[in-house]
């Protein structure tokens, strides 16, 4: 007669908390999604465009543009390019960090 050992379920390993350095790094990393969202909304409003008008120019749905402006989507590069084209601007200016945009504006003014 064969005897089988009883099946015991092992507990899942406990997850360790993030190391303090990882938490610090996450706080210091550039949040591109939030920067794009803020920049896109500010530019659209400055040019007095509705979400519907900008979405039509860029060839996308208004609800998708709204989600991008709220920072809810990771936006593919081709979509960023279409948005920059629809706003008649360079892609770099659309995704630049706020401090970088100020530096670029000063250089352009000089």
PDB file of N, CA and C in Angstrom:
ATOM      1  N   UNK A   1       0.825  -1.161   0.000  1.00  0.00           N
ATOM      2  CA  UNK A   1       0.000   0.000   0.000  1.00  0.00           C
ATOM      3  C   UNK A   1       0.889   1.250   0.000  1.00  0.00           C
ATOM      4  N   UNK A   2       0.537   2.198  -0.861  1.00  0.00           N
ATOM      5  CA  UNK A   2       1.297   3.441  -0.957  1.00  0.00           C
ATOM      6  C   UNK A   2       0.732   4.472   0.010  1.00  0.00           C
ATOM      7  N   UNK A   3       1.606   5.132   0.670  1.00  0.00           N
ATOM      8  CA  UNK A   3       1.177   6.192   1.585  1.00  0.00           C
ATOM      9  C   UNK A   3       1.644   7.531   1.019  1.00  0.00           C
ATOM     10  N   UNK A   4       0.706   8.431   0.919  1.00  0.00           N
ATOM     11  CA  UNK A   4       1.031   9.759   0.416  1.00  0.00           C
ATOM     12  C   UNK A   4       1.084  10.737   1.575  1.00  0.00           C
ATOM     13  N   UNK A   5       2.022  11.631   1.469  1.00  0.00           N
ATOM     14  CA  UNK A   5       2.135  12.671   2.495  1.00  0.00           C
ATOM     15  C   UNK A   5       0.984  13.648   2.324  1.00  0.00           C
ATOM     16  N   UNK A   6       0.452  14.152   3.395  1.00  0.00           N
ATOM     17  CA  UNK A   6      -0.643  15.108   3.282  1.00  0.00           C
ATOM     18  C   UNK A   6      -0.155  16.385   2.578  1.00  0.00           C
ATOM     19  N   UNK A   7      -1.036  16.947   1.781  1.00  0.00           N
ATOM     20  CA  UNK A   7      -0.699  18.162   1.045  1.00  0.00           C
ATOM     21  C   UNK A   7      -0.873  19.353   1.978  1.00  0.00           C
ATOM     22  N   UNK A   8       0.201  20.092   2.144  1.00  0.00           N
ATOM     23  CA  UNK A   8       0.126  21.307   2.961  1.00  0.00           C
ATOM     24  C   UNK A   8       0.373  22.499   2.069  1.00  0.00           C
ATOM     25  N   UNK A   9      -0.375  23.491   2.310  1.00  0.00           N
ATOM     26  CA  UNK A   9      -0.209  24.719   1.519  1.00  0.00           C
ATOM     27  C   UNK A   9       0.782  25.631   2.231  1.00  0.00           C
ATOM     28  N   UNK A  10       1.731  26.062   1.476  1.00  0.00           N
ATOM     29  CA  UNK A  10       2.716  26.966   2.083  1.00  0.00           C
ATOM     30  C   UNK A  10       2.173  28.385   2.060  1.00  0.00           C
ATOM     31  N   UNK A  11       2.547  29.127   3.051  1.00  0.00           N
ATOM     32  CA  UNK A  11       2.109  30.517   3.117  1.00  0.00           C
ATOM     33  C   UNK A  11       2.883  31.337   2.086  1.00  0.00           C
ATOM     34  N   UNK A  12       2.219  32.359   1.590  1.00  0.00           N
ATOM     35  CA  UNK A  12       2.899  33.258   0.663  1.00  0.00           C
ATOM     36  C   UNK A  12       3.994  34.002   1.406  1.00  0.00           C
ATOM     37  N   UNK A  13       5.103  34.217   0.754  1.00  0.00           N
ATOM     38  CA  UNK A  13       6.170  34.962   1.431  1.00  0.00           C
ATOM     39  C   UNK A  13       5.711  36.383   1.744  1.00  0.00           C
ATOM     40  N   UNK A  14       6.119  36.852   2.866  1.00  0.00           N
ATOM     41  CA  UNK A  14       5.744  38.194   3.281  1.00  0.00           C
ATOM     42  C   UNK A  14       6.484  39.211   2.427  1.00  0.00           C
ATOM     43  N   UNK A  15       5.762  40.211   1.953  1.00  0.00           N
ATOM     44  CA  UNK A  15       6.409  41.247   1.159  1.00  0.00           C
ATOM     45  C   UNK A  15       7.105  42.234   2.081  1.00  0.00           C
ATOM     46  N   UNK A  16       8.297  42.568   1.705  1.00  0.00           N
ATOM     47  CA  UNK A  16       9.053  43.536   2.482  1.00  0.00           C
ATOM     48  C   UNK A  16       8.663  44.947   2.084  1.00  0.00           C
ATOM     49  N   UNK A  17       8.722  45.823   3.028  1.00  0.00           N
ATOM     50  CA  UNK A  17       8.469  47.229   2.729  1.00  0.00           C
ATOM     51  C   UNK A  17       9.585  47.747   1.834  1.00  0.00           C
ATOM     52  N   UNK A  18       9.291  48.785   1.081  1.00  0.00           N
ATOM     53  CA  UNK A  18      10.318  49.370   0.226  1.00  0.00           C
ATOM     54  C   UNK A  18      11.473  49.895   1.065  1.00  0.00           C
ATOM     55  N   UNK A  19      12.654  49.753   0.523  1.00  0.00           N
ATOM     56  CA  UNK A  19      13.817  50.324   1.185  1.00  0.00           C
ATOM     57  C   UNK A  19      13.668  51.833   1.192  1.00  0.00           C
ATOM     58  N   UNK A  20      14.173  52.497   2.182  1.00  0.00           N
ATOM     59  CA  UNK A  20      14.059  53.966   2.225  1.00  0.00           C
ATOM     60  C   UNK A  20      14.617  54.644   0.983  1.00  0.00           C
ATOM     61  N   UNK A  21      15.695  54.100   0.405  1.00  0.00           N
ATOM     62  CA  UNK A  21      16.278  54.725  -0.783  1.00  0.00           C
ATOM     63  C   UNK A  21      15.340  54.608  -1.977  1.00  0.00           C
ATOM     64  N   UNK A  22      14.609  53.490  -2.085  1.00  0.00           N
ATOM     65  CA  UNK A  22      13.664  53.323  -3.193  1.00  0.00           C
ATOM     66  C   UNK A  22      12.523  54.320  -3.063  1.00  0.00           C
ATOM     67  N   UNK A  23      12.065  54.534  -1.849  1.00  0.00           N
ATOM     68  CA  UNK A  23      10.980  55.485  -1.623  1.00  0.00           C
ATOM     69  C   UNK A  23      11.449  56.896  -1.981  1.00  0.00           C
ATOM     70  N   UNK A  24      12.669  57.243  -1.608  1.00  0.00           N
ATOM     71  CA  UNK A  24      13.224  58.554  -1.920  1.00  0.00           C
ATOM     72  C   UNK A  24      13.383  58.727  -3.422  1.00  0.00           C
ATOM     73  N   UNK A  25      13.844  57.689  -4.101  1.00  0.00           N
ATOM     74  CA  UNK A  25      14.018  57.768  -5.553  1.00  0.00           C
ATOM     75  C   UNK A  25      12.684  57.967  -6.244  1.00  0.00           C
ATOM     76  N   UNK A  26      11.655  57.280  -5.788  1.00  0.00           N
ATOM     77  CA  UNK A  26      10.329  57.411  -6.407  1.00  0.00           C
ATOM     78  C   UNK A  26       9.805  58.835  -6.269  1.00  0.00           C
ATOM     79  N   UNK A  27      10.138  59.499  -5.175  1.00  0.00           N
ATOM     80  CA  UNK A  27       9.680  60.874  -4.971  1.00  0.00           C
ATOM     81  C   UNK A  27      10.437  61.859  -5.857  1.00  0.00           C
ATOM     82  N   UNK A  28      11.670  61.508  -6.241  1.00  0.00           N
ATOM     83  CA  UNK A  28      12.495  62.435  -7.003  1.00  0.00           C
ATOM     84  C   UNK A  28      12.425  62.225  -8.509  1.00  0.00           C
ATOM     85  N   UNK A  29      11.785  61.158  -8.950  1.00  0.00           N
ATOM     86  CA  UNK A  29      11.700  60.869 -10.378  1.00  0.00           C
ATOM     87  C   UNK A  29      10.701  61.819 -11.029  1.00  0.00           C
ATOM     88  N   UNK A  30      11.036  62.278 -12.203  1.00  0.00           N
ATOM     89  CA  UNK A  30      10.169  63.173 -12.971  1.00  0.00           C
ATOM     90  C   UNK A  30       8.870  62.457 -13.316  1.00  0.00           C
ATOM     91  N   UNK A  31       7.752  63.033 -12.951  1.00  0.00           N
ATOM     92  CA  UNK A  31       6.444  62.445 -13.243  1.00  0.00           C
ATOM     93  C   UNK A  31       5.969  62.985 -14.589  1.00  0.00           C
ATOM     94  N   UNK A  32       6.317  62.272 -15.643  1.00  0.00           N
ATOM     95  CA  UNK A  32       6.006  62.723 -16.995  1.00  0.00           C
ATOM     96  C   UNK A  32       4.527  62.794 -17.287  1.00  0.00           C
ATOM     97  N   UNK A  33       3.775  61.851 -16.719  1.00  0.00           N
ATOM     98  CA  UNK A  33       2.334  61.830 -16.967  1.00  0.00           C
ATOM     99  C   UNK A  33       1.674  63.097 -16.418  1.00  0.00           C
ATOM    100  N   UNK A  34       2.044  63.489 -15.202  1.00  0.00           N
ATOM    101  CA  UNK A  34       1.468  64.686 -14.588  1.00  0.00           C
ATOM    102  C   UNK A  34       1.938  65.949 -15.302  1.00  0.00           C
ATOM    103  N   UNK A  35       3.208  65.974 -15.715  1.00  0.00           N
ATOM    104  CA  UNK A  35       3.733  67.148 -16.424  1.00  0.00           C
ATOM    105  C   UNK A  35       3.037  67.331 -17.761  1.00  0.00           C
ATOM    106  N   UNK A  36       2.856  66.228 -18.506  1.00  0.00           N
ATOM    107  CA  UNK A  36       2.154  66.297 -19.790  1.00  0.00           C
ATOM    108  C   UNK A  36       0.717  66.745 -19.582  1.00  0.00           C
ATOM    109  N   UNK A  37       0.063  66.202 -18.557  1.00  0.00           N
ATOM    110  CA  UNK A  37      -1.331  66.552 -18.286  1.00  0.00           C
ATOM    111  C   UNK A  37      -1.485  68.047 -18.017  1.00  0.00           C
ATOM    112  N   UNK A  38      -0.642  68.574 -17.141  1.00  0.00           N
ATOM    113  CA  UNK A  38      -0.733  69.996 -16.790  1.00  0.00           C
ATOM    114  C   UNK A  38      -0.408  70.890 -17.980  1.00  0.00           C
ATOM    115  N   UNK A  39       0.638  70.540 -18.705  1.00  0.00           N
ATOM    116  CA  UNK A  39       1.055  71.339 -19.860  1.00  0.00           C
ATOM    117  C   UNK A  39      -0.015  71.319 -20.955  1.00  0.00           C
ATOM    118  N   UNK A  40      -0.556  70.152 -21.220  1.00  0.00           N
ATOM    119  CA  UNK A  40      -1.559  70.013 -22.277  1.00  0.00           C
ATOM    120  C   UNK A  40      -2.809  70.822 -21.957  1.00  0.00           C
ATOM    121  N   UNK A  41      -3.279  70.715 -20.726  1.00  0.00           N
ATOM    122  CA  UNK A  41      -4.478  71.462 -20.328  1.00  0.00           C
ATOM    123  C   UNK A  41      -4.230  72.967 -20.377  1.00  0.00           C
ATOM    124  N   UNK A  42      -3.067  73.403 -19.892  1.00  0.00           N
ATOM    125  CA  UNK A  42      -2.754  74.838 -19.895  1.00  0.00           C
ATOM    126  C   UNK A  42      -2.665  75.375 -21.324  1.00  0.00           C
ATOM    127  N   UNK A  43      -2.002  74.645 -22.206  1.00  0.00           N
ATOM    128  CA  UNK A  43      -1.882  75.101 -23.600  1.00  0.00           C
ATOM    129  C   UNK A  43      -3.236  75.132 -24.304  1.00  0.00           C
ATOM    130  N   UNK A  44      -4.036  74.114 -24.061  1.00  0.00           N
ATOM    131  CA  UNK A  44      -5.359  74.062 -24.704  1.00  0.00           C
ATOM    132  C   UNK A  44      -6.208  75.246 -24.253  1.00  0.00           C
ATOM    133  N   UNK A  45      -6.187  75.528 -22.967  1.00  0.00           N
ATOM    134  CA  UNK A  45      -6.985  76.652 -22.448  1.00  0.00           C
ATOM    135  C   UNK A  45      -6.444  77.995 -22.930  1.00  0.00           C
ATOM    136  N   UNK A  46      -5.110  78.113 -22.972  1.00  0.00           N
ATOM    137  CA  UNK A  46      -4.494  79.356 -23.433  1.00  0.00           C
ATOM    138  C   UNK A  46      -4.878  79.657 -24.880  1.00  0.00           C
ATOM    139  N   UNK A  47      -5.020  78.605 -25.666  1.00  0.00           N
ATOM    140  CA  UNK A  47      -5.393  78.787 -27.080  1.00  0.00           C
ATOM    141  C   UNK A  47      -6.897  78.775 -27.283  1.00  0.00           C
ATOM    142  N   UNK A  48      -7.635  78.734 -26.183  1.00  0.00           N
ATOM    143  CA  UNK A  48      -9.101  78.773 -26.201  1.00  0.00           C
ATOM    144  C   UNK A  48      -9.710  77.666 -27.052  1.00  0.00           C
ATOM    145  N   UNK A  49      -9.160  76.473 -26.891  1.00  0.00           N
ATOM    146  CA  UNK A  49      -9.683  75.300 -27.594  1.00  0.00           C
ATOM    147  C   UNK A  49     -10.489  74.448 -26.622  1.00  0.00           C
ATOM    148  N   UNK A  50     -11.565  73.882 -27.101  1.00  0.00           N
ATOM    149  CA  UNK A  50     -12.293  72.913 -26.292  1.00  0.00           C
ATOM    150  C   UNK A  50     -11.592  71.571 -26.405  1.00  0.00           C
ATOM    151  N   UNK A  51     -11.910  70.669 -25.498  1.00  0.00           N
ATOM    152  CA  UNK A  51     -11.355  69.323 -25.595  1.00  0.00           C
ATOM    153  C   UNK A  51     -11.797  68.672 -26.896  1.00  0.00           C
ATOM    154  N   UNK A  52     -13.040  68.919 -27.287  1.00  0.00           N
ATOM    155  CA  UNK A  52     -13.563  68.328 -28.520  1.00  0.00           C
ATOM    156  C   UNK A  52     -12.784  68.824 -29.737  1.00  0.00           C
ATOM    157  N   UNK A  53     -12.509  70.119 -29.790  1.00  0.00           N
ATOM    158  CA  UNK A  53     -11.787  70.682 -30.931  1.00  0.00           C
ATOM    159  C   UNK A  53     -10.363  70.127 -31.019  1.00  0.00           C
ATOM    160  N   UNK A  54      -9.664  70.079 -29.889  1.00  0.00           N
ATOM    161  CA  UNK A  54      -8.291  69.547 -29.889  1.00  0.00           C
ATOM    162  C   UNK A  54      -8.287  68.062 -30.215  1.00  0.00           C
ATOM    163  N   UNK A  55      -9.249  67.326 -29.683  1.00  0.00           N
ATOM    164  CA  UNK A  55      -9.331  65.892 -29.965  1.00  0.00           C
ATOM    165  C   UNK A  55      -9.559  65.634 -31.452  1.00  0.00           C
ATOM    166  N   UNK A  56     -10.406  66.434 -32.077  1.00  0.00           N
ATOM    167  CA  UNK A  56     -10.650  66.283 -33.520  1.00  0.00           C
ATOM    168  C   UNK A  56      -9.394  66.595 -34.315  1.00  0.00           C
ATOM    169  N   UNK A  57      -8.679  67.652 -33.937  1.00  0.00           N
ATOM    170  CA  UNK A  57      -7.434  67.993 -34.634  1.00  0.00           C
ATOM    171  C   UNK A  57      -6.404  66.881 -34.522  1.00  0.00           C
ATOM    172  N   UNK A  58      -6.336  66.252 -33.334  1.00  0.00           N
ATOM    173  CA  UNK A  58      -5.336  65.211 -33.088  1.00  0.00           C
ATOM    174  C   UNK A  58      -5.814  63.826 -33.513  1.00  0.00           C
ATOM    175  N   UNK A  59      -7.081  63.717 -33.899  1.00  0.00           N
ATOM    176  CA  UNK A  59      -7.610  62.438 -34.368  1.00  0.00           C
ATOM    177  C   UNK A  59      -7.828  61.426 -33.253  1.00  0.00           C
ATOM    178  N   UNK A  60      -8.421  61.883 -32.161  1.00  0.00           N
ATOM    179  CA  UNK A  60      -8.711  60.977 -31.052  1.00  0.00           C
ATOM    180  C   UNK A  60     -10.057  61.331 -30.440  1.00  0.00           C
ATOM    181  N   UNK A  61     -10.515  60.499 -29.546  1.00  0.00           N
ATOM    182  CA  UNK A  61     -11.792  60.722 -28.882  1.00  0.00           C
ATOM    183  C   UNK A  61     -11.628  61.751 -27.759  1.00  0.00           C
ATOM    184  N   UNK A  62     -12.660  62.544 -27.530  1.00  0.00           N
ATOM    185  CA  UNK A  62     -12.606  63.574 -26.499  1.00  0.00           C
ATOM    186  C   UNK A  62     -12.390  62.981 -25.109  1.00  0.00           C
ATOM    187  N   UNK A  63     -13.006  61.837 -24.833  1.00  0.00           N
ATOM    188  CA  UNK A  63     -12.864  61.231 -23.501  1.00  0.00           C
ATOM    189  C   UNK A  63     -11.425  60.761 -23.257  1.00  0.00           C
ATOM    190  N   UNK A  64     -10.746  60.316 -24.313  1.00  0.00           N
ATOM    191  CA  UNK A  64      -9.345  59.911 -24.186  1.00  0.00           C
ATOM    192  C   UNK A  64      -8.469  61.132 -23.881  1.00  0.00           C
ATOM    193  N   UNK A  65      -8.718  62.234 -24.578  1.00  0.00           N
ATOM    194  CA  UNK A  65      -7.985  63.476 -24.314  1.00  0.00           C
ATOM    195  C   UNK A  65      -8.233  63.946 -22.889  1.00  0.00           C
ATOM    196  N   UNK A  66      -9.462  63.839 -22.428  1.00  0.00           N
ATOM    197  CA  UNK A  66      -9.793  64.222 -21.063  1.00  0.00           C
ATOM    198  C   UNK A  66      -9.016  63.387 -20.053  1.00  0.00           C
ATOM    199  N   UNK A  67      -8.917  62.084 -20.300  1.00  0.00           N
ATOM    200  CA  UNK A  67      -8.171  61.197 -19.397  1.00  0.00           C
ATOM    201  C   UNK A  67      -6.678  61.533 -19.411  1.00  0.00           C
ATOM    202  N   UNK A  68      -6.150  61.916 -20.572  1.00  0.00           N
ATOM    203  CA  UNK A  68      -4.735  62.324 -20.654  1.00  0.00           C
ATOM    204  C   UNK A  68      -4.530  63.588 -19.828  1.00  0.00           C
ATOM    205  N   UNK A  69      -5.446  64.554 -19.943  1.00  0.00           N
ATOM    206  CA  UNK A  69      -5.327  65.805 -19.195  1.00  0.00           C
ATOM    207  C   UNK A  69      -5.455  65.592 -17.694  1.00  0.00           C
ATOM    208  N   UNK A  70      -6.096  64.521 -17.279  1.00  0.00           N
ATOM    209  CA  UNK A  70      -6.198  64.207 -15.857  1.00  0.00           C
ATOM    210  C   UNK A  70      -5.068  63.298 -15.394  1.00  0.00           C
ATOM    211  N   UNK A  71      -4.167  62.920 -16.298  1.00  0.00           N
ATOM    212  CA  UNK A  71      -3.023  62.088 -15.941  1.00  0.00           C
ATOM    213  C   UNK A  71      -3.377  60.639 -15.692  1.00  0.00           C
ATOM    214  N   UNK A  72      -4.427  60.148 -16.339  1.00  0.00           N
ATOM    215  CA  UNK A  72      -4.896  58.782 -16.107  1.00  0.00           C
ATOM    216  C   UNK A  72      -4.298  57.754 -17.058  1.00  0.00           C
ATOM    217  N   UNK A  73      -3.640  58.189 -18.127  1.00  0.00           N
ATOM    218  CA  UNK A  73      -3.102  57.263 -19.124  1.00  0.00           C
ATOM    219  C   UNK A  73      -1.608  57.455 -19.317  1.00  0.00           C
ATOM    220  N   UNK A  74      -0.923  56.347 -19.578  1.00  0.00           N
ATOM    221  CA  UNK A  74       0.436  56.416 -20.102  1.00  0.00           C
ATOM    222  C   UNK A  74       0.263  56.637 -21.598  1.00  0.00           C
ATOM    223  N   UNK A  75       0.742  57.748 -22.081  1.00  0.00           N
ATOM    224  CA  UNK A  75       0.463  58.152 -23.451  1.00  0.00           C
ATOM    225  C   UNK A  75       1.579  57.691 -24.380  1.00  0.00           C
ATOM    226  N   UNK A  76       1.225  56.964 -25.459  1.00  0.00           N
ATOM    227  CA  UNK A  76       2.248  56.544 -26.423  1.00  0.00           C
ATOM    228  C   UNK A  76       2.879  57.745 -27.123  1.00  0.00           C
ATOM    229  N   UNK A  77       4.096  57.557 -27.598  1.00  0.00           N
ATOM    230  CA  UNK A  77       4.830  58.644 -28.239  1.00  0.00           C
ATOM    231  C   UNK A  77       4.112  59.174 -29.472  1.00  0.00           C
ATOM    232  N   UNK A  78       3.503  58.296 -30.261  1.00  0.00           N
ATOM    233  CA  UNK A  78       2.815  58.784 -31.461  1.00  0.00           C
ATOM    234  C   UNK A  78       1.629  59.675 -31.094  1.00  0.00           C
ATOM    235  N   UNK A  79       0.984  59.414 -29.975  1.00  0.00           N
ATOM    236  CA  UNK A  79      -0.123  60.264 -29.528  1.00  0.00           C
ATOM    237  C   UNK A  79       0.404  61.616 -29.065  1.00  0.00           C
ATOM    238  N   UNK A  80       1.531  61.619 -28.372  1.00  0.00           N
ATOM    239  CA  UNK A  80       2.148  62.884 -27.952  1.00  0.00           C
ATOM    240  C   UNK A  80       2.523  63.704 -29.194  1.00  0.00           C
ATOM    241  N   UNK A  81       3.049  63.039 -30.211  1.00  0.00           N
ATOM    242  CA  UNK A  81       3.405  63.728 -31.460  1.00  0.00           C
ATOM    243  C   UNK A  81       2.170  64.326 -32.133  1.00  0.00           C
ATOM    244  N   UNK A  82       1.081  63.579 -32.153  1.00  0.00           N
ATOM    245  CA  UNK A  82      -0.160  64.103 -32.757  1.00  0.00           C
ATOM    246  C   UNK A  82      -0.695  65.291 -31.981  1.00  0.00           C
ATOM    247  N   UNK A  83      -0.607  65.244 -30.650  1.00  0.00           N
ATOM    248  CA  UNK A  83      -1.066  66.374 -29.837  1.00  0.00           C
ATOM    249  C   UNK A  83      -0.196  67.603 -30.072  1.00  0.00           C
ATOM    250  N   UNK A  84       1.114  67.407 -30.155  1.00  0.00           N
ATOM    251  CA  UNK A  84       2.018  68.528 -30.429  1.00  0.00           C
ATOM    252  C   UNK A  84       1.718  69.127 -31.801  1.00  0.00           C
ATOM    253  N   UNK A  85       1.472  68.272 -32.795  1.00  0.00           N
ATOM    254  CA  UNK A  85       1.139  68.765 -34.133  1.00  0.00           C
ATOM    255  C   UNK A  85      -0.166  69.549 -34.097  1.00  0.00           C
ATOM    256  N   UNK A  86      -1.158  69.036 -33.373  1.00  0.00           N
ATOM    257  CA  UNK A  86      -2.459  69.708 -33.291  1.00  0.00           C
ATOM    258  C   UNK A  86      -2.345  71.062 -32.604  1.00  0.00           C
ATOM    259  N   UNK A  87      -1.363  71.208 -31.717  1.00  0.00           N
ATOM    260  CA  UNK A  87      -1.148  72.484 -31.024  1.00  0.00           C
ATOM    261  C   UNK A  87      -0.101  73.346 -31.720  1.00  0.00           C
ATOM    262  N   UNK A  88       0.420  72.885 -32.867  1.00  0.00           N
ATOM    263  CA  UNK A  88       1.438  73.600 -33.649  1.00  0.00           C
ATOM    264  C   UNK A  88       2.669  73.922 -32.803  1.00  0.00           C
ATOM    265  N   UNK A  89       3.191  72.901 -32.146  1.00  0.00           N
ATOM    266  CA  UNK A  89       4.368  73.114 -31.326  1.00  0.00           C
ATOM    267  C   UNK A  89       5.298  71.919 -31.396  1.00  0.00           C
ATOM    268  N   UNK A  90       6.486  72.063 -30.866  1.00  0.00           N
ATOM    269  CA  UNK A  90       7.469  70.997 -30.850  1.00  0.00           C
ATOM    270  C   UNK A  90       7.148  70.016 -29.718  1.00  0.00           C
ATOM    271  N   UNK A  91       7.396  68.743 -29.958  1.00  0.00           N
ATOM    272  CA  UNK A  91       7.121  67.713 -28.954  1.00  0.00           C
ATOM    273  C   UNK A  91       7.914  67.973 -27.680  1.00  0.00           C
ATOM    274  N   UNK A  92       9.168  68.383 -27.811  1.00  0.00           N
ATOM    275  CA  UNK A  92      10.006  68.649 -26.633  1.00  0.00           C
ATOM    276  C   UNK A  92       9.383  69.697 -25.713  1.00  0.00           C
ATOM    277  N   UNK A  93       8.762  70.704 -26.300  1.00  0.00           N
ATOM    278  CA  UNK A  93       8.136  71.754 -25.494  1.00  0.00           C
ATOM    279  C   UNK A  93       6.895  71.247 -24.765  1.00  0.00           C
ATOM    280  N   UNK A  94       6.242  70.264 -25.351  1.00  0.00           N
ATOM    281  CA  UNK A  94       5.029  69.719 -24.737  1.00  0.00           C
ATOM    282  C   UNK A  94       5.341  68.853 -23.526  1.00  0.00           C
ATOM    283  N   UNK A  95       6.449  68.146 -23.551  1.00  0.00           N
ATOM    284  CA  UNK A  95       6.758  67.209 -22.462  1.00  0.00           C
ATOM    285  C   UNK A  95       7.873  67.682 -21.540  1.00  0.00           C
ATOM    286  N   UNK A  96       8.397  68.872 -21.742  1.00  0.00           N
ATOM    287  CA  UNK A  96       9.496  69.364 -20.914  1.00  0.00           C
ATOM    288  C   UNK A  96       9.031  69.632 -19.487  1.00  0.00           C
ATOM    289  N   UNK A  97       9.945  69.471 -18.556  1.00  0.00           N
ATOM    290  CA  UNK A  97       9.669  69.789 -17.152  1.00  0.00           C
ATOM    291  C   UNK A  97       9.452  71.299 -17.034  1.00  0.00           C
ATOM    292  N   UNK A  98       8.680  71.768 -16.053  1.00  0.00           N
ATOM    293  CA  UNK A  98       8.398  73.203 -15.921  1.00  0.00           C
ATOM    294  C   UNK A  98       9.639  74.085 -15.877  1.00  0.00           C
ATOM    295  N   UNK A  99      10.682  73.687 -15.143  1.00  0.00           N
ATOM    296  CA  UNK A  99      11.907  74.496 -15.063  1.00  0.00           C
ATOM    297  C   UNK A  99      12.592  74.559 -16.423  1.00  0.00           C
ATOM    298  N   UNK A 100      12.568  73.457 -17.147  1.00  0.00           N
ATOM    299  CA  UNK A 100      13.163  73.425 -18.489  1.00  0.00           C
ATOM    300  C   UNK A 100      12.413  74.347 -19.439  1.00  0.00           C
ATOM    301  N   UNK A 101      11.092  74.386 -19.327  1.00  0.00           N
ATOM    302  CA  UNK A 101      10.290  75.246 -20.198  1.00  0.00           C
ATOM    303  C   UNK A 101      10.618  76.710 -19.947  1.00  0.00           C
ATOM    304  N   UNK A 102      10.813  77.064 -18.659  1.00  0.00           N
ATOM    305  CA  UNK A 102      11.163  78.454 -18.343  1.00  0.00           C
ATOM    306  C   UNK A 102      12.517  78.831 -18.930  1.00  0.00           C
ATOM    307  N   UNK A 103      13.497  77.903 -18.828  1.00  0.00           N
ATOM    308  CA  UNK A 103      14.820  78.159 -19.399  1.00  0.00           C
ATOM    309  C   UNK A 103      14.747  78.335 -20.905  1.00  0.00           C
ATOM    310  N   UNK A 104      13.966  77.480 -21.574  1.00  0.00           N
ATOM    311  CA  UNK A 104      13.825  77.552 -23.026  1.00  0.00           C
ATOM    312  C   UNK A 104      13.148  78.859 -23.431  1.00  0.00           C
ATOM    313  N   UNK A 105      12.169  79.303 -22.663  1.00  0.00           N
ATOM    314  CA  UNK A 105      11.482  80.561 -22.968  1.00  0.00           C
ATOM    315  C   UNK A 105      12.437  81.745 -22.812  1.00  0.00           C
ATOM    316  N   UNK A 106      13.290  81.698 -21.792  1.00  0.00           N
ATOM    317  CA  UNK A 106      14.261  82.786 -21.610  1.00  0.00           C
ATOM    318  C   UNK A 106      15.258  82.832 -22.753  1.00  0.00           C
ATOM    319  N   UNK A 107      15.727  81.631 -23.178  1.00  0.00           N
ATOM    320  CA  UNK A 107      16.681  81.584 -24.293  1.00  0.00           C
ATOM    321  C   UNK A 107      16.046  82.122 -25.573  1.00  0.00           C
ATOM    322  N   UNK A 108      14.774  81.802 -25.795  1.00  0.00           N
ATOM    323  CA  UNK A 108      14.087  82.282 -26.984  1.00  0.00           C
ATOM    324  C   UNK A 108      13.879  83.789 -26.959  1.00  0.00           C
ATOM    325  N   UNK A 109      13.696  84.340 -25.772  1.00  0.00           N
ATOM    326  CA  UNK A 109      13.475  85.785 -25.629  1.00  0.00           C
ATOM    327  C   UNK A 109      14.773  86.567 -25.827  1.00  0.00           C
ATOM    328  N   UNK A 110      15.907  85.957 -25.513  1.00  0.00           N
ATOM    329  CA  UNK A 110      17.200  86.656 -25.638  1.00  0.00           C
ATOM    330  C   UNK A 110      17.640  86.825 -27.039  1.00  0.00           C
TER     331      UNK A 110
END
